[in-house]
Amino acid sequence: MSKGNDAANSPLERATSHSLDQKMALAKRSSHEGVIAGAKAAVVAAVVTAIPTLASVRMVPWARANLNPTAQALIISTVAGAAYFIVADKTVLATARKNSFEQP
C-alpha cells in the first residue's frame, strides 16, 4: 500500500471534498437566483423607462428634436442594464449572507 493512496481516501479528505462540493452548489444556486432576479428587474425597468421615453419623443418638442432613435435606445438599455446589475448583486449578496448564517 502506498501512503499517498491512503491519504486520498482518508475521512478528512472526503469531508473536505464534500464541503467544497456543497459550497460550490450553494454558490451556483446563489448566482442563478441573482441572474433570474436581475433579468426580471431589467425587463420591468425597460418597460417602465420605454413608456415615458417614447411618449415624450412624440409629445415634447425638445425631445422630438434632440432624441433620435439611438438616444432613446441608449436611455432604455442603460436603465435596464443598471437595474439588472443592481438587483443581481443585491440578490447574490443576500443569498450568500443567508447561507452563511445557516451554516453550523
N, C-alpha and C. Protein backbone atom coordinates (compact mmCIF):
# COMPACT_ATOMS: atom_id res chain seq x y z
N MET A 1 0.83 -1.20 0.00
CA MET A 1 0.00 0.00 0.00
C MET A 1 0.87 1.25 0.00
N SER A 2 0.46 2.19 -0.79
CA SER A 2 1.22 3.43 -0.81
C SER A 2 0.55 4.44 0.12
N LYS A 3 1.39 5.28 0.70
CA LYS A 3 0.89 6.25 1.65
C LYS A 3 0.02 7.31 0.97
N GLY A 4 0.32 7.70 -0.26
CA GLY A 4 -0.46 8.71 -0.98
C GLY A 4 -1.88 8.25 -1.22
N ASN A 5 -2.09 6.97 -1.50
CA ASN A 5 -3.43 6.45 -1.74
C ASN A 5 -4.26 6.47 -0.46
N ASP A 6 -3.64 6.15 0.68
CA ASP A 6 -4.35 6.16 1.95
C ASP A 6 -4.79 7.58 2.32
N ALA A 7 -3.94 8.56 2.04
CA ALA A 7 -4.27 9.94 2.37
C ALA A 7 -5.44 10.44 1.52
N ALA A 8 -5.53 10.00 0.28
CA ALA A 8 -6.60 10.46 -0.59
C ALA A 8 -7.95 9.90 -0.16
N ASN A 9 -7.95 8.76 0.51
CA ASN A 9 -9.20 8.14 0.94
C ASN A 9 -9.48 8.37 2.42
N SER A 10 -8.74 9.25 3.07
CA SER A 10 -8.95 9.48 4.49
C SER A 10 -10.29 10.19 4.71
N PRO A 11 -10.89 10.01 5.88
CA PRO A 11 -12.17 10.68 6.17
C PRO A 11 -12.07 12.20 6.12
N LEU A 12 -10.92 12.73 6.52
CA LEU A 12 -10.74 14.19 6.48
C LEU A 12 -10.78 14.70 5.05
N GLU A 13 -10.12 13.99 4.15
CA GLU A 13 -10.10 14.37 2.73
C GLU A 13 -11.50 14.30 2.13
N ARG A 14 -12.25 13.26 2.44
CA ARG A 14 -13.61 13.13 1.91
C ARG A 14 -14.50 14.23 2.46
N ALA A 15 -14.36 14.56 3.75
CA ALA A 15 -15.19 15.61 4.34
C ALA A 15 -14.87 16.96 3.71
N THR A 16 -13.61 17.22 3.46
CA THR A 16 -13.23 18.48 2.84
C THR A 16 -13.76 18.56 1.41
N SER A 17 -13.66 17.47 0.68
CA SER A 17 -14.17 17.43 -0.68
C SER A 17 -15.68 17.63 -0.70
N HIS A 18 -16.37 16.98 0.22
CA HIS A 18 -17.83 17.12 0.31
C HIS A 18 -18.20 18.56 0.68
N SER A 19 -17.46 19.15 1.58
CA SER A 19 -17.72 20.52 2.00
C SER A 19 -17.53 21.49 0.83
N LEU A 20 -16.46 21.28 0.06
CA LEU A 20 -16.23 22.14 -1.09
C LEU A 20 -17.31 21.97 -2.15
N ASP A 21 -17.74 20.74 -2.37
CA ASP A 21 -18.83 20.50 -3.33
C ASP A 21 -20.11 21.19 -2.89
N GLN A 22 -20.37 21.14 -1.59
CA GLN A 22 -21.58 21.76 -1.06
C GLN A 22 -21.49 23.29 -1.21
N LYS A 23 -20.32 23.85 -0.94
CA LYS A 23 -20.16 25.29 -1.09
C LYS A 23 -20.29 25.72 -2.55
N MET A 24 -19.76 24.90 -3.46
CA MET A 24 -19.89 25.22 -4.88
C MET A 24 -21.36 25.17 -5.32
N ALA A 25 -22.10 24.20 -4.81
CA ALA A 25 -23.52 24.10 -5.16
C ALA A 25 -24.28 25.32 -4.63
N LEU A 26 -23.97 25.76 -3.42
CA LEU A 26 -24.62 26.94 -2.87
C LEU A 26 -24.26 28.19 -3.69
N ALA A 27 -23.02 28.29 -4.11
CA ALA A 27 -22.60 29.44 -4.91
C ALA A 27 -23.30 29.46 -6.26
N LYS A 28 -23.42 28.29 -6.89
CA LYS A 28 -24.12 28.23 -8.18
C LYS A 28 -25.59 28.60 -8.03
N ARG A 29 -26.22 28.09 -6.97
CA ARG A 29 -27.62 28.41 -6.76
C ARG A 29 -27.79 29.90 -6.49
N SER A 30 -26.89 30.47 -5.70
CA SER A 30 -26.95 31.88 -5.38
C SER A 30 -26.79 32.74 -6.63
N SER A 31 -25.85 32.40 -7.48
CA SER A 31 -25.65 33.19 -8.69
C SER A 31 -26.82 33.01 -9.66
N HIS A 32 -27.39 31.81 -9.71
CA HIS A 32 -28.54 31.59 -10.58
C HIS A 32 -29.74 32.42 -10.11
N GLU A 33 -29.97 32.47 -8.81
CA GLU A 33 -31.05 33.30 -8.28
C GLU A 33 -30.82 34.77 -8.61
N GLY A 34 -29.56 35.20 -8.55
CA GLY A 34 -29.23 36.58 -8.90
C GLY A 34 -29.51 36.89 -10.35
N VAL A 35 -29.17 35.95 -11.23
CA VAL A 35 -29.42 36.15 -12.67
C VAL A 35 -30.91 36.25 -12.95
N ILE A 36 -31.68 35.37 -12.35
CA ILE A 36 -33.13 35.38 -12.57
C ILE A 36 -33.75 36.68 -12.05
N ALA A 37 -33.38 37.08 -10.83
CA ALA A 37 -33.93 38.31 -10.26
C ALA A 37 -33.49 39.52 -11.07
N GLY A 38 -32.24 39.54 -11.51
CA GLY A 38 -31.75 40.66 -12.32
C GLY A 38 -32.46 40.75 -13.65
N ALA A 39 -32.72 39.61 -14.28
CA ALA A 39 -33.41 39.62 -15.57
C ALA A 39 -34.84 40.14 -15.42
N LYS A 40 -35.50 39.72 -14.36
CA LYS A 40 -36.86 40.22 -14.11
C LYS A 40 -36.85 41.74 -13.90
N ALA A 41 -35.90 42.21 -13.12
CA ALA A 41 -35.80 43.65 -12.86
C ALA A 41 -35.48 44.42 -14.14
N ALA A 42 -34.63 43.86 -14.99
CA ALA A 42 -34.27 44.53 -16.23
C ALA A 42 -35.48 44.66 -17.16
N VAL A 43 -36.30 43.63 -17.22
CA VAL A 43 -37.50 43.69 -18.06
C VAL A 43 -38.46 44.75 -17.55
N VAL A 44 -38.68 44.76 -16.25
CA VAL A 44 -39.58 45.76 -15.67
C VAL A 44 -39.03 47.17 -15.89
N ALA A 45 -37.73 47.35 -15.65
CA ALA A 45 -37.13 48.67 -15.81
C ALA A 45 -37.19 49.13 -17.27
N ALA A 46 -36.99 48.22 -18.20
CA ALA A 46 -37.04 48.59 -19.62
C ALA A 46 -38.43 49.07 -20.01
N VAL A 47 -39.45 48.36 -19.55
CA VAL A 47 -40.82 48.76 -19.88
C VAL A 47 -41.17 50.08 -19.21
N VAL A 48 -40.80 50.22 -17.95
CA VAL A 48 -41.12 51.44 -17.21
C VAL A 48 -40.38 52.64 -17.79
N THR A 49 -39.21 52.43 -18.34
CA THR A 49 -38.45 53.52 -18.95
C THR A 49 -38.90 53.79 -20.38
N ALA A 50 -39.24 52.74 -21.10
CA ALA A 50 -39.60 52.91 -22.51
C ALA A 50 -40.88 53.72 -22.69
N ILE A 51 -41.85 53.50 -21.84
CA ILE A 51 -43.14 54.19 -22.00
C ILE A 51 -42.98 55.71 -21.94
N PRO A 52 -42.39 56.28 -20.87
CA PRO A 52 -42.26 57.75 -20.87
C PRO A 52 -41.26 58.28 -21.90
N THR A 53 -40.22 57.50 -22.21
CA THR A 53 -39.25 57.97 -23.20
C THR A 53 -39.91 58.09 -24.58
N LEU A 54 -40.61 57.05 -24.98
CA LEU A 54 -41.27 57.09 -26.29
C LEU A 54 -42.41 58.10 -26.33
N ALA A 55 -43.12 58.23 -25.21
CA ALA A 55 -44.21 59.21 -25.16
C ALA A 55 -43.67 60.63 -25.23
N SER A 56 -42.56 60.89 -24.54
CA SER A 56 -42.01 62.25 -24.56
C SER A 56 -41.48 62.63 -25.93
N VAL A 57 -40.95 61.66 -26.66
CA VAL A 57 -40.46 61.95 -28.01
C VAL A 57 -41.61 62.35 -28.93
N ARG A 58 -42.78 61.82 -28.68
CA ARG A 58 -43.94 62.18 -29.51
C ARG A 58 -44.58 63.50 -29.08
N MET A 59 -44.51 63.84 -27.79
CA MET A 59 -45.26 64.99 -27.28
C MET A 59 -44.44 66.23 -26.98
N VAL A 60 -43.19 66.07 -26.57
CA VAL A 60 -42.38 67.21 -26.16
C VAL A 60 -41.51 67.65 -27.35
N PRO A 61 -41.63 68.92 -27.75
CA PRO A 61 -40.86 69.38 -28.92
C PRO A 61 -39.35 69.23 -28.75
N TRP A 62 -38.82 69.54 -27.58
CA TRP A 62 -37.37 69.41 -27.37
C TRP A 62 -36.93 67.96 -27.55
N ALA A 63 -37.66 67.03 -26.96
CA ALA A 63 -37.30 65.61 -27.08
C ALA A 63 -37.41 65.14 -28.52
N ARG A 64 -38.41 65.62 -29.22
CA ARG A 64 -38.58 65.23 -30.63
C ARG A 64 -37.39 65.70 -31.46
N ALA A 65 -36.88 66.88 -31.14
CA ALA A 65 -35.77 67.44 -31.91
C ALA A 65 -34.43 66.83 -31.53
N ASN A 66 -34.27 66.43 -30.28
CA ASN A 66 -32.94 66.05 -29.80
C ASN A 66 -32.73 64.56 -29.50
N LEU A 67 -33.79 63.80 -29.37
CA LEU A 67 -33.62 62.38 -29.03
C LEU A 67 -33.92 61.51 -30.25
N ASN A 68 -32.86 61.15 -30.96
CA ASN A 68 -33.04 60.26 -32.11
C ASN A 68 -33.23 58.82 -31.60
N PRO A 69 -33.55 57.89 -32.47
CA PRO A 69 -33.79 56.50 -32.01
C PRO A 69 -32.61 55.88 -31.25
N THR A 70 -31.39 56.26 -31.62
CA THR A 70 -30.23 55.73 -30.90
C THR A 70 -30.21 56.24 -29.46
N ALA A 71 -30.50 57.50 -29.27
CA ALA A 71 -30.54 58.06 -27.92
C ALA A 71 -31.65 57.42 -27.09
N GLN A 72 -32.78 57.19 -27.71
CA GLN A 72 -33.88 56.54 -27.00
C GLN A 72 -33.48 55.13 -26.55
N ALA A 73 -32.87 54.39 -27.45
CA ALA A 73 -32.44 53.03 -27.11
C ALA A 73 -31.37 53.06 -26.03
N LEU A 74 -30.48 54.04 -26.08
CA LEU A 74 -29.43 54.16 -25.07
C LEU A 74 -30.02 54.44 -23.69
N ILE A 75 -31.00 55.31 -23.62
CA ILE A 75 -31.66 55.61 -22.34
C ILE A 75 -32.30 54.34 -21.77
N ILE A 76 -33.06 53.66 -22.60
CA ILE A 76 -33.79 52.47 -22.13
C ILE A 76 -32.83 51.36 -21.74
N SER A 77 -31.82 51.10 -22.56
CA SER A 77 -30.90 49.99 -22.26
C SER A 77 -30.01 50.29 -21.06
N THR A 78 -29.65 51.54 -20.86
CA THR A 78 -28.83 51.90 -19.70
C THR A 78 -29.59 51.65 -18.40
N VAL A 79 -30.83 52.04 -18.37
CA VAL A 79 -31.65 51.82 -17.17
C VAL A 79 -31.85 50.32 -16.94
N ALA A 80 -32.13 49.58 -18.00
CA ALA A 80 -32.33 48.13 -17.86
C ALA A 80 -31.05 47.45 -17.38
N GLY A 81 -29.91 47.83 -17.94
CA GLY A 81 -28.64 47.25 -17.51
C GLY A 81 -28.31 47.57 -16.08
N ALA A 82 -28.54 48.80 -15.68
CA ALA A 82 -28.28 49.18 -14.29
C ALA A 82 -29.18 48.40 -13.33
N ALA A 83 -30.44 48.28 -13.69
CA ALA A 83 -31.37 47.52 -12.84
C ALA A 83 -30.93 46.07 -12.72
N TYR A 84 -30.49 45.49 -13.83
CA TYR A 84 -30.04 44.09 -13.80
C TYR A 84 -28.88 43.92 -12.82
N PHE A 85 -27.85 44.74 -12.96
CA PHE A 85 -26.67 44.56 -12.13
C PHE A 85 -26.93 44.88 -10.67
N ILE A 86 -27.73 45.89 -10.40
CA ILE A 86 -28.02 46.25 -9.00
C ILE A 86 -28.81 45.13 -8.33
N VAL A 87 -29.86 44.66 -8.97
CA VAL A 87 -30.70 43.62 -8.37
C VAL A 87 -29.96 42.29 -8.28
N ALA A 88 -29.21 41.93 -9.31
CA ALA A 88 -28.46 40.68 -9.27
C ALA A 88 -27.43 40.70 -8.15
N ASP A 89 -26.73 41.81 -7.99
CA ASP A 89 -25.72 41.93 -6.92
C ASP A 89 -26.37 41.84 -5.55
N LYS A 90 -27.46 42.55 -5.35
CA LYS A 90 -28.13 42.50 -4.05
C LYS A 90 -28.68 41.11 -3.76
N THR A 91 -29.18 40.42 -4.76
CA THR A 91 -29.72 39.08 -4.57
C THR A 91 -28.62 38.09 -4.21
N VAL A 92 -27.50 38.16 -4.92
CA VAL A 92 -26.39 37.25 -4.62
C VAL A 92 -25.86 37.50 -3.22
N LEU A 93 -25.70 38.76 -2.85
CA LEU A 93 -25.20 39.07 -1.50
C LEU A 93 -26.19 38.63 -0.42
N ALA A 94 -27.47 38.84 -0.65
CA ALA A 94 -28.47 38.43 0.35
C ALA A 94 -28.50 36.91 0.48
N THR A 95 -28.41 36.20 -0.63
CA THR A 95 -28.41 34.74 -0.58
C THR A 95 -27.16 34.22 0.11
N ALA A 96 -26.02 34.83 -0.18
CA ALA A 96 -24.77 34.41 0.47
C ALA A 96 -24.82 34.68 1.97
N ARG A 97 -25.37 35.81 2.34
CA ARG A 97 -25.48 36.14 3.77
C ARG A 97 -26.41 35.16 4.47
N LYS A 98 -27.53 34.84 3.83
CA LYS A 98 -28.47 33.88 4.41
C LYS A 98 -27.81 32.51 4.56
N ASN A 99 -27.08 32.08 3.54
CA ASN A 99 -26.43 30.78 3.60
C ASN A 99 -25.30 30.75 4.64
N SER A 100 -24.63 31.87 4.84
CA SER A 100 -23.53 31.87 5.81
C SER A 100 -24.07 31.77 7.23
N PHE A 101 -25.26 32.30 7.49
CA PHE A 101 -25.83 32.19 8.83
C PHE A 101 -26.45 30.82 9.07
N GLU A 102 -26.83 30.12 8.01
CA GLU A 102 -27.42 28.78 8.16
C GLU A 102 -26.36 27.72 8.43
N GLN A 103 -25.09 28.00 8.12
CA GLN A 103 -24.04 27.01 8.33
C GLN A 103 -23.85 26.76 9.82
N PRO A 104 -23.59 25.49 10.23
CA PRO A 104 -23.38 25.21 11.65
C PRO A 104 -22.08 25.78 12.16
